[in-house]
Amino acid sequence: MNRLLKTSLLTAALLPAFAFAAPSPGDREVTLSGAGSSDKRFDDTQLAVQGSWGQYLTENSLWGVRQLINARDREGESVKFDGATRVFYDYHIGTGNLQPFVGASIGAIYGEGVNETFTAGPEFGVKFWVQDRTFIQAMVEYQFLFDSASDARDRYDDGAFFYSVGLGYNF
């Protein structure tokens, strides 16, 4: 009897750690990610912030908008800013606290330090819910760069990787 009571109390104590409220159709989410890099003398420093807003169409599919802002400071130059705005669609695989996802996005890259261009490509990542509505997200995107729709076919090999790690919240 004593062993059953201890096991029951331990199970009840750990249950909230495994509780998970899956997003429902109509739920929204926001994410905030950041990145930075510098050379060893801090003569070339780059900082980036990315945010997104999305809405679940089903419990596994999400569409939304992502915004990236970059600031680059090189020795002897003024600070340059650029950004990227993309519309995305992601499909989450499975249920539970750990959910991989795959998707695609399309948008534009613009600003002072880049060649302004359209962009589209695949993305994949993983979300890990640390609480009912709060998660950590890691994602990789490959964006093909092109100036027009006809140019997209010719620019299959021209592209860039975007990496991000951040926090998100469902509401």
N, C-alpha and C. Protein backbone atom coordinates (compact mmCIF):
# COMPACT_ATOMS: atom_id res chain seq x y z
N MET A 1 0.82 -1.19 0.00
CA MET A 1 0.00 0.00 0.00
C MET A 1 0.87 1.26 0.00
N ASN A 2 1.92 1.25 0.83
CA ASN A 2 2.83 2.38 0.92
C ASN A 2 3.53 2.62 -0.43
N ARG A 3 3.94 1.54 -1.09
CA ARG A 3 4.61 1.63 -2.40
C ARG A 3 3.65 2.20 -3.45
N LEU A 4 2.40 1.79 -3.45
CA LEU A 4 1.39 2.29 -4.38
C LEU A 4 1.16 3.78 -4.17
N LEU A 5 1.10 4.21 -2.92
CA LEU A 5 0.90 5.62 -2.60
C LEU A 5 2.08 6.46 -3.10
N LYS A 6 3.31 5.98 -2.88
CA LYS A 6 4.50 6.71 -3.34
C LYS A 6 4.53 6.80 -4.87
N THR A 7 4.22 5.69 -5.54
CA THR A 7 4.20 5.69 -7.00
C THR A 7 3.14 6.64 -7.53
N SER A 8 1.97 6.66 -6.91
CA SER A 8 0.88 7.55 -7.34
C SER A 8 1.26 9.01 -7.14
N LEU A 9 1.88 9.33 -6.01
CA LEU A 9 2.30 10.71 -5.76
C LEU A 9 3.39 11.15 -6.73
N LEU A 10 4.34 10.27 -7.02
CA LEU A 10 5.39 10.60 -7.98
C LEU A 10 4.81 10.82 -9.37
N THR A 11 3.90 9.97 -9.80
CA THR A 11 3.25 10.13 -11.10
C THR A 11 2.48 11.44 -11.16
N ALA A 12 1.75 11.76 -10.12
CA ALA A 12 0.97 13.01 -10.09
C ALA A 12 1.89 14.23 -10.10
N ALA A 13 3.04 14.13 -9.45
CA ALA A 13 3.98 15.25 -9.42
C ALA A 13 4.63 15.47 -10.78
N LEU A 14 4.91 14.40 -11.52
CA LEU A 14 5.57 14.52 -12.83
C LEU A 14 4.62 14.79 -13.97
N LEU A 15 3.34 14.54 -13.81
CA LEU A 15 2.37 14.68 -14.89
C LEU A 15 2.38 16.07 -15.52
N PRO A 16 2.44 17.18 -14.74
CA PRO A 16 2.49 18.49 -15.40
C PRO A 16 3.69 18.67 -16.32
N ALA A 17 4.80 18.01 -16.03
CA ALA A 17 5.98 18.13 -16.89
C ALA A 17 5.73 17.51 -18.26
N PHE A 18 4.81 16.55 -18.33
CA PHE A 18 4.52 15.89 -19.60
C PHE A 18 3.21 16.37 -20.23
N ALA A 19 2.53 17.29 -19.57
CA ALA A 19 1.28 17.80 -20.12
C ALA A 19 1.58 18.63 -21.36
N PHE A 20 0.68 18.56 -22.32
CA PHE A 20 0.90 19.27 -23.57
C PHE A 20 -0.43 19.70 -24.15
N ALA A 21 -0.55 20.95 -24.48
CA ALA A 21 -1.76 21.46 -25.11
C ALA A 21 -1.42 21.74 -26.57
N ALA A 22 -1.78 20.82 -27.46
CA ALA A 22 -1.48 20.98 -28.88
C ALA A 22 -2.22 22.19 -29.43
N PRO A 23 -1.59 22.93 -30.35
CA PRO A 23 -2.30 24.04 -30.98
C PRO A 23 -3.54 23.52 -31.70
N SER A 24 -4.59 24.30 -31.66
CA SER A 24 -5.85 23.96 -32.32
C SER A 24 -6.04 24.86 -33.53
N PRO A 25 -6.87 24.44 -34.48
CA PRO A 25 -7.16 25.32 -35.62
C PRO A 25 -7.63 26.68 -35.13
N GLY A 26 -7.06 27.75 -35.70
CA GLY A 26 -7.41 29.10 -35.29
C GLY A 26 -6.44 29.69 -34.27
N ASP A 27 -5.69 28.84 -33.54
CA ASP A 27 -4.69 29.35 -32.60
C ASP A 27 -3.63 30.12 -33.37
N ARG A 28 -3.03 31.10 -32.71
CA ARG A 28 -1.96 31.90 -33.31
C ARG A 28 -0.66 31.66 -32.55
N GLU A 29 0.45 32.05 -33.18
CA GLU A 29 1.73 31.97 -32.49
C GLU A 29 2.61 33.12 -32.91
N VAL A 30 3.51 33.50 -32.01
CA VAL A 30 4.55 34.48 -32.31
C VAL A 30 5.88 33.86 -31.90
N THR A 31 6.93 34.21 -32.64
CA THR A 31 8.27 33.75 -32.30
C THR A 31 9.22 34.94 -32.34
N LEU A 32 10.30 34.84 -31.58
CA LEU A 32 11.36 35.83 -31.59
C LEU A 32 12.69 35.09 -31.53
N SER A 33 13.54 35.36 -32.53
CA SER A 33 14.84 34.70 -32.63
C SER A 33 15.92 35.75 -32.79
N GLY A 34 17.14 35.38 -32.48
CA GLY A 34 18.25 36.31 -32.64
C GLY A 34 19.52 35.59 -33.02
N ALA A 35 20.45 36.34 -33.60
CA ALA A 35 21.74 35.77 -33.99
C ALA A 35 22.75 36.91 -34.05
N GLY A 36 24.02 36.55 -34.03
CA GLY A 36 25.07 37.55 -34.15
C GLY A 36 26.39 36.89 -34.48
N SER A 37 27.31 37.69 -35.01
CA SER A 37 28.65 37.18 -35.29
C SER A 37 29.61 38.37 -35.31
N SER A 38 30.86 38.09 -34.97
CA SER A 38 31.93 39.09 -35.00
C SER A 38 33.22 38.39 -35.34
N ASP A 39 34.14 39.14 -35.98
CA ASP A 39 35.47 38.58 -36.14
C ASP A 39 36.20 38.69 -34.80
N LYS A 40 37.40 38.14 -34.70
CA LYS A 40 38.06 38.07 -33.40
C LYS A 40 38.44 39.44 -32.84
N ARG A 41 38.53 40.46 -33.68
CA ARG A 41 38.85 41.81 -33.20
C ARG A 41 37.62 42.71 -33.15
N PHE A 42 36.46 42.16 -33.42
CA PHE A 42 35.20 42.89 -33.43
C PHE A 42 35.21 44.05 -34.43
N ASP A 43 35.95 43.88 -35.54
CA ASP A 43 35.96 44.89 -36.60
C ASP A 43 34.80 44.71 -37.56
N ASP A 44 34.24 43.52 -37.60
CA ASP A 44 33.11 43.20 -38.48
C ASP A 44 32.08 42.46 -37.63
N THR A 45 31.02 43.16 -37.26
CA THR A 45 30.00 42.60 -36.39
C THR A 45 28.65 42.65 -37.08
N GLN A 46 27.91 41.56 -36.96
CA GLN A 46 26.57 41.48 -37.54
C GLN A 46 25.61 40.97 -36.49
N LEU A 47 24.48 41.65 -36.34
CA LEU A 47 23.42 41.26 -35.42
C LEU A 47 22.12 41.11 -36.20
N ALA A 48 21.34 40.09 -35.86
CA ALA A 48 20.08 39.84 -36.56
C ALA A 48 18.99 39.51 -35.55
N VAL A 49 17.78 39.98 -35.84
CA VAL A 49 16.59 39.67 -35.06
C VAL A 49 15.52 39.23 -36.06
N GLN A 50 14.85 38.13 -35.73
CA GLN A 50 13.77 37.65 -36.59
C GLN A 50 12.53 37.40 -35.74
N GLY A 51 11.40 37.83 -36.24
CA GLY A 51 10.13 37.58 -35.58
C GLY A 51 9.15 37.01 -36.58
N SER A 52 8.16 36.30 -36.06
CA SER A 52 7.12 35.78 -36.95
C SER A 52 5.77 35.80 -36.25
N TRP A 53 4.74 35.84 -37.04
CA TRP A 53 3.36 35.70 -36.59
C TRP A 53 2.73 34.64 -37.48
N GLY A 54 1.98 33.73 -36.88
CA GLY A 54 1.33 32.69 -37.67
C GLY A 54 0.00 32.28 -37.08
N GLN A 55 -0.78 31.57 -37.89
CA GLN A 55 -2.08 31.06 -37.45
C GLN A 55 -2.22 29.62 -37.94
N TYR A 56 -2.69 28.75 -37.05
CA TYR A 56 -2.88 27.34 -37.38
C TYR A 56 -4.16 27.17 -38.20
N LEU A 57 -4.03 26.52 -39.35
CA LEU A 57 -5.18 26.16 -40.18
C LEU A 57 -5.79 24.85 -39.68
N THR A 58 -4.93 23.92 -39.28
CA THR A 58 -5.31 22.68 -38.62
C THR A 58 -4.36 22.53 -37.44
N GLU A 59 -4.46 21.46 -36.68
CA GLU A 59 -3.52 21.31 -35.56
C GLU A 59 -2.10 21.03 -36.03
N ASN A 60 -1.92 20.71 -37.32
CA ASN A 60 -0.58 20.43 -37.85
C ASN A 60 -0.10 21.45 -38.88
N SER A 61 -0.95 22.30 -39.41
CA SER A 61 -0.51 23.22 -40.47
C SER A 61 -0.62 24.67 -40.00
N LEU A 62 0.41 25.43 -40.33
CA LEU A 62 0.56 26.81 -39.88
C LEU A 62 0.98 27.68 -41.05
N TRP A 63 0.35 28.84 -41.21
CA TRP A 63 0.81 29.82 -42.20
C TRP A 63 1.12 31.10 -41.43
N GLY A 64 1.97 31.95 -42.01
CA GLY A 64 2.28 33.19 -41.33
C GLY A 64 3.25 34.07 -42.10
N VAL A 65 3.77 35.07 -41.40
CA VAL A 65 4.69 36.05 -41.97
C VAL A 65 5.92 36.12 -41.06
N ARG A 66 7.10 36.14 -41.67
CA ARG A 66 8.37 36.24 -40.96
C ARG A 66 9.09 37.52 -41.37
N GLN A 67 9.68 38.21 -40.39
CA GLN A 67 10.44 39.42 -40.65
C GLN A 67 11.83 39.29 -40.04
N LEU A 68 12.86 39.53 -40.84
CA LEU A 68 14.25 39.50 -40.39
C LEU A 68 14.83 40.90 -40.54
N ILE A 69 15.56 41.36 -39.52
CA ILE A 69 16.28 42.64 -39.58
C ILE A 69 17.73 42.38 -39.21
N ASN A 70 18.63 42.81 -40.08
CA ASN A 70 20.09 42.66 -39.90
C ASN A 70 20.73 44.02 -39.73
N ALA A 71 21.72 44.11 -38.88
CA ALA A 71 22.56 45.30 -38.77
C ALA A 71 24.01 44.83 -38.87
N ARG A 72 24.78 45.47 -39.75
CA ARG A 72 26.19 45.09 -39.94
C ARG A 72 27.06 46.32 -39.74
N ASP A 73 28.08 46.16 -38.90
CA ASP A 73 29.01 47.24 -38.60
C ASP A 73 30.42 46.77 -38.94
N ARG A 74 30.97 47.35 -40.01
CA ARG A 74 32.35 47.04 -40.41
C ARG A 74 33.23 48.24 -40.11
N GLU A 75 34.48 47.96 -39.72
CA GLU A 75 35.41 49.04 -39.41
C GLU A 75 35.57 49.95 -40.62
N GLY A 76 35.45 51.25 -40.40
CA GLY A 76 35.62 52.22 -41.47
C GLY A 76 34.36 52.46 -42.29
N GLU A 77 33.26 51.79 -41.99
CA GLU A 77 32.01 51.98 -42.72
C GLU A 77 30.90 52.34 -41.74
N SER A 78 29.86 52.95 -42.25
CA SER A 78 28.71 53.22 -41.40
C SER A 78 27.89 51.93 -41.26
N VAL A 79 27.09 51.85 -40.23
CA VAL A 79 26.25 50.67 -39.99
C VAL A 79 25.24 50.55 -41.14
N LYS A 80 25.10 49.33 -41.66
CA LYS A 80 24.14 49.08 -42.75
C LYS A 80 23.06 48.15 -42.26
N PHE A 81 21.84 48.44 -42.68
CA PHE A 81 20.68 47.63 -42.29
C PHE A 81 20.08 46.97 -43.52
N ASP A 82 19.63 45.74 -43.34
CA ASP A 82 18.87 45.06 -44.39
C ASP A 82 17.84 44.17 -43.72
N GLY A 83 16.96 43.64 -44.53
CA GLY A 83 15.89 42.80 -43.98
C GLY A 83 15.37 41.81 -45.01
N ALA A 84 14.51 40.95 -44.54
CA ALA A 84 13.83 39.97 -45.40
C ALA A 84 12.44 39.76 -44.83
N THR A 85 11.46 39.80 -45.71
CA THR A 85 10.07 39.55 -45.33
C THR A 85 9.59 38.37 -46.15
N ARG A 86 9.03 37.35 -45.46
CA ARG A 86 8.59 36.15 -46.14
C ARG A 86 7.24 35.69 -45.61
N VAL A 87 6.42 35.17 -46.50
CA VAL A 87 5.19 34.47 -46.12
C VAL A 87 5.54 32.99 -46.11
N PHE A 88 5.06 32.23 -45.10
CA PHE A 88 5.45 30.83 -44.99
C PHE A 88 4.25 29.93 -44.72
N TYR A 89 4.45 28.66 -45.00
CA TYR A 89 3.51 27.60 -44.66
C TYR A 89 4.33 26.44 -44.12
N ASP A 90 3.99 25.96 -42.92
CA ASP A 90 4.71 24.84 -42.29
C ASP A 90 3.73 23.73 -41.93
N TYR A 91 4.18 22.50 -42.07
CA TYR A 91 3.40 21.33 -41.66
C TYR A 91 4.17 20.63 -40.54
N HIS A 92 3.53 20.50 -39.37
CA HIS A 92 4.13 19.86 -38.20
C HIS A 92 3.85 18.37 -38.24
N ILE A 93 4.89 17.60 -37.95
CA ILE A 93 4.80 16.14 -38.03
C ILE A 93 4.67 15.59 -36.62
N GLY A 94 3.59 14.85 -36.37
CA GLY A 94 3.40 14.21 -35.07
C GLY A 94 2.72 15.12 -34.07
N THR A 95 2.66 14.61 -32.85
CA THR A 95 2.10 15.36 -31.72
C THR A 95 3.04 15.17 -30.54
N GLY A 96 2.84 15.92 -29.52
CA GLY A 96 3.69 15.81 -28.35
C GLY A 96 4.54 17.04 -28.17
N ASN A 97 5.45 16.98 -27.21
CA ASN A 97 6.28 18.14 -26.89
C ASN A 97 7.33 18.44 -27.95
N LEU A 98 7.78 17.44 -28.70
CA LEU A 98 8.79 17.61 -29.74
C LEU A 98 8.14 17.38 -31.10
N GLN A 99 8.12 18.44 -31.93
CA GLN A 99 7.49 18.33 -33.24
C GLN A 99 8.39 18.87 -34.34
N PRO A 100 8.88 18.01 -35.21
CA PRO A 100 9.58 18.50 -36.40
C PRO A 100 8.56 19.11 -37.37
N PHE A 101 9.04 19.99 -38.25
CA PHE A 101 8.15 20.56 -39.26
C PHE A 101 8.92 20.78 -40.55
N VAL A 102 8.17 20.80 -41.65
CA VAL A 102 8.70 21.11 -42.98
C VAL A 102 7.79 22.15 -43.59
N GLY A 103 8.33 22.96 -44.49
CA GLY A 103 7.50 23.99 -45.08
C GLY A 103 8.19 24.69 -46.23
N ALA A 104 7.62 25.82 -46.60
CA ALA A 104 8.14 26.64 -47.69
C ALA A 104 7.81 28.09 -47.41
N SER A 105 8.60 28.98 -48.01
CA SER A 105 8.34 30.41 -47.85
C SER A 105 8.67 31.13 -49.15
N ILE A 106 8.09 32.32 -49.28
CA ILE A 106 8.35 33.18 -50.43
C ILE A 106 8.32 34.63 -49.95
N GLY A 107 9.23 35.46 -50.50
CA GLY A 107 9.27 36.84 -50.06
C GLY A 107 10.33 37.64 -50.76
N ALA A 108 10.95 38.57 -50.03
CA ALA A 108 11.95 39.47 -50.61
C ALA A 108 13.04 39.78 -49.60
N ILE A 109 14.25 40.04 -50.13
CA ILE A 109 15.38 40.51 -49.35
C ILE A 109 15.68 41.92 -49.84
N TYR A 110 15.94 42.85 -48.91
CA TYR A 110 16.11 44.25 -49.29
C TYR A 110 16.97 44.97 -48.26
N GLY A 111 17.51 46.12 -48.64
CA GLY A 111 18.27 46.93 -47.69
C GLY A 111 19.56 47.46 -48.26
N GLU A 112 20.35 48.07 -47.38
CA GLU A 112 21.58 48.76 -47.78
C GLU A 112 22.73 47.82 -48.11
N GLY A 113 22.83 46.70 -47.42
CA GLY A 113 24.01 45.86 -47.57
C GLY A 113 23.81 44.63 -48.44
N VAL A 114 22.72 44.56 -49.19
CA VAL A 114 22.42 43.36 -49.99
C VAL A 114 21.91 43.75 -51.37
N ASN A 115 21.95 42.78 -52.28
CA ASN A 115 21.28 42.96 -53.57
C ASN A 115 19.81 42.65 -53.35
N GLU A 116 18.95 43.60 -53.63
CA GLU A 116 17.52 43.41 -53.41
C GLU A 116 17.00 42.40 -54.42
N THR A 117 16.28 41.40 -53.92
CA THR A 117 15.85 40.31 -54.77
C THR A 117 14.66 39.59 -54.14
N PHE A 118 13.94 38.84 -54.96
CA PHE A 118 12.89 37.95 -54.46
C PHE A 118 13.54 36.67 -53.97
N THR A 119 12.83 35.96 -53.12
CA THR A 119 13.36 34.74 -52.54
C THR A 119 12.23 33.74 -52.31
N ALA A 120 12.54 32.48 -52.46
CA ALA A 120 11.58 31.40 -52.18
C ALA A 120 12.36 30.13 -51.91
N GLY A 121 11.80 29.27 -51.07
CA GLY A 121 12.50 28.02 -50.82
C GLY A 121 11.92 27.21 -49.69
N PRO A 122 12.51 26.04 -49.48
CA PRO A 122 12.05 25.13 -48.42
C PRO A 122 12.63 25.50 -47.06
N GLU A 123 11.98 25.01 -46.03
CA GLU A 123 12.47 25.19 -44.67
C GLU A 123 12.12 23.96 -43.85
N PHE A 124 12.90 23.71 -42.83
CA PHE A 124 12.58 22.63 -41.90
C PHE A 124 13.12 23.01 -40.53
N GLY A 125 12.54 22.40 -39.51
CA GLY A 125 12.97 22.71 -38.17
C GLY A 125 12.30 21.82 -37.15
N VAL A 126 12.41 22.23 -35.91
CA VAL A 126 11.83 21.48 -34.81
C VAL A 126 11.37 22.46 -33.74
N LYS A 127 10.25 22.13 -33.12
CA LYS A 127 9.75 22.90 -31.98
C LYS A 127 9.70 21.96 -30.78
N PHE A 128 10.10 22.50 -29.63
CA PHE A 128 10.03 21.74 -28.38
C PHE A 128 9.28 22.59 -27.37
N TRP A 129 8.10 22.11 -26.98
CA TRP A 129 7.28 22.84 -26.02
C TRP A 129 7.84 22.61 -24.62
N VAL A 130 8.18 23.69 -23.94
CA VAL A 130 8.70 23.62 -22.58
C VAL A 130 7.60 23.86 -21.56
N GLN A 131 6.48 24.43 -22.02
CA GLN A 131 5.27 24.60 -21.23
C GLN A 131 4.11 24.45 -22.19
N ASP A 132 2.88 24.52 -21.68
CA ASP A 132 1.70 24.31 -22.52
C ASP A 132 1.71 25.15 -23.79
N ARG A 133 2.10 26.39 -23.70
CA ARG A 133 2.02 27.30 -24.84
C ARG A 133 3.36 27.90 -25.25
N THR A 134 4.43 27.56 -24.58
CA THR A 134 5.75 28.15 -24.84
C THR A 134 6.69 27.10 -25.41
N PHE A 135 7.40 27.45 -26.49
CA PHE A 135 8.28 26.49 -27.14
C PHE A 135 9.59 27.12 -27.55
N ILE A 136 10.59 26.27 -27.76
CA ILE A 136 11.87 26.64 -28.34
C ILE A 136 11.86 26.13 -29.78
N GLN A 137 12.30 26.95 -30.71
CA GLN A 137 12.28 26.58 -32.12
C GLN A 137 13.67 26.72 -32.73
N ALA A 138 14.07 25.73 -33.51
CA ALA A 138 15.30 25.80 -34.31
C ALA A 138 14.89 25.53 -35.75
N MET A 139 15.41 26.34 -36.68
CA MET A 139 14.96 26.23 -38.06
C MET A 139 16.09 26.55 -39.04
N VAL A 140 16.03 25.90 -40.20
CA VAL A 140 16.94 26.17 -41.31
C VAL A 140 16.09 26.41 -42.55
N GLU A 141 16.41 27.48 -43.27
CA GLU A 141 15.73 27.78 -44.54
C GLU A 141 16.79 27.85 -45.64
N TYR A 142 16.46 27.37 -46.83
CA TYR A 142 17.29 27.63 -47.99
C TYR A 142 16.46 28.49 -48.92
N GLN A 143 16.94 29.68 -49.22
CA GLN A 143 16.20 30.61 -50.05
C GLN A 143 16.88 30.76 -51.41
N PHE A 144 16.15 30.42 -52.48
CA PHE A 144 16.62 30.67 -53.84
C PHE A 144 16.41 32.15 -54.12
N LEU A 145 17.38 32.80 -54.75
CA LEU A 145 17.33 34.23 -55.01
C LEU A 145 17.06 34.46 -56.48
N PHE A 146 16.09 35.33 -56.80
CA PHE A 146 15.75 35.61 -58.20
C PHE A 146 15.12 36.98 -58.31
N ASP A 147 15.26 37.58 -59.50
CA ASP A 147 14.74 38.93 -59.75
C ASP A 147 13.35 38.94 -60.34
N SER A 148 12.94 37.85 -61.00
CA SER A 148 11.61 37.77 -61.61
C SER A 148 11.19 36.31 -61.67
N ALA A 149 9.94 36.06 -62.00
CA ALA A 149 9.44 34.69 -62.05
C ALA A 149 10.20 33.88 -63.10
N SER A 150 10.50 34.48 -64.25
CA SER A 150 11.23 33.74 -65.29
C SER A 150 12.67 33.45 -64.85
N ASP A 151 13.22 34.30 -64.00
CA ASP A 151 14.58 34.13 -63.50
C ASP A 151 14.67 33.00 -62.47
N ALA A 152 13.56 32.64 -61.84
CA ALA A 152 13.57 31.63 -60.77
C ALA A 152 14.10 30.29 -61.27
N ARG A 153 13.73 29.89 -62.48
CA ARG A 153 14.22 28.61 -63.02
C ARG A 153 15.72 28.62 -63.22
N ASP A 154 16.28 29.76 -63.61
CA ASP A 154 17.71 29.86 -63.89
C ASP A 154 18.56 30.00 -62.63
N ARG A 155 17.96 30.31 -61.50
CA ARG A 155 18.72 30.61 -60.29
C ARG A 155 18.63 29.51 -59.25
N TYR A 156 18.37 28.31 -59.68
CA TYR A 156 18.20 27.19 -58.76
C TYR A 156 19.41 27.02 -57.85
N ASP A 157 20.61 27.25 -58.36
CA ASP A 157 21.83 27.08 -57.56
C ASP A 157 22.21 28.33 -56.76
N ASP A 158 21.63 29.49 -57.10
CA ASP A 158 21.95 30.72 -56.38
C ASP A 158 21.02 30.86 -55.19
N GLY A 159 21.57 30.85 -54.00
CA GLY A 159 20.72 30.96 -52.84
C GLY A 159 21.51 31.22 -51.58
N ALA A 160 20.78 31.20 -50.46
CA ALA A 160 21.39 31.47 -49.16
C ALA A 160 20.68 30.65 -48.10
N PHE A 161 21.43 30.27 -47.08
CA PHE A 161 20.86 29.58 -45.92
C PHE A 161 20.54 30.61 -44.84
N PHE A 162 19.40 30.45 -44.20
CA PHE A 162 19.02 31.24 -43.02
C PHE A 162 18.87 30.25 -41.87
N TYR A 163 19.53 30.54 -40.75
CA TYR A 163 19.44 29.70 -39.56
C TYR A 163 18.83 30.54 -38.46
N SER A 164 18.01 29.93 -37.62
CA SER A 164 17.48 30.68 -36.47
C SER A 164 17.17 29.73 -35.32
N VAL A 165 17.31 30.29 -34.12
CA VAL A 165 16.93 29.62 -32.88
C VAL A 165 16.23 30.68 -32.05
N GLY A 166 15.07 30.32 -31.49
CA GLY A 166 14.35 31.32 -30.72
C GLY A 166 13.27 30.70 -29.85
N LEU A 167 12.46 31.60 -29.30
CA LEU A 167 11.35 31.24 -28.45
C LEU A 167 10.04 31.59 -29.13
N GLY A 168 9.00 30.81 -28.84
CA GLY A 168 7.69 31.08 -29.39
C GLY A 168 6.60 30.88 -28.36
N TYR A 169 5.44 31.42 -28.69
CA TYR A 169 4.30 31.33 -27.79
C TYR A 169 3.03 31.16 -28.62
N ASN A 170 2.18 30.22 -28.23
CA ASN A 170 0.86 30.01 -28.86
C ASN A 170 -0.20 30.72 -28.02
N PHE A 171 -1.14 31.36 -28.71
CA PHE A 171 -2.26 32.00 -28.00
C PHE A 171 -3.53 31.90 -28.80
